[in-house]
Amino acid sequence: QVQLVESGGGLVQAGGSLRLSCAASGRTFSSHSMGWFRQAPGKEREFVARISRSGDYTYYADSVKGRFTISRDNAKNTVDLQMNSLKPEDTAVYYCAAGSRLRIPITTSAASAYDYWGQGTQVTVSA
């Protein structure tokens, strides 16, 4: 069992930056691939970024590529999402997710690749 708690959300002006963090419980953090998803009001949850168990490989949605960076610290059981050049359309609740299944490609954007989810943190970008 893995428990995930996100933090770092808030209100920021367009063009600004935020750094989200996800803290994971348990001793098996490094055996999980990690991802970030987001859900805007009235829309379905969408993939944002993914990072491999070791942190060597990452994958991003086209909408955030070049602006967002996912990273992890297996010693601290944390995964972060650095968000730069934020746009009003980035406004959403952001969720951290952990997946334990093996042999799932890094280029997977499906929510079904993940077993555990956090409660989410709100990010609001004003124009």
Foldseek 3Di string as FASTA:
>chain_A
DKAKAKDWADEEAAQAKTKMKIAIDDLCLLLWKKFKWWDDPPGDIWGAKIAHSVRPDMDGDPVQPPFWDWGDDSVRRMIMIIGGRDDQVVWTWMKMFIANDPPDDNHDTDPVRTDDIYPTDTHGYHD
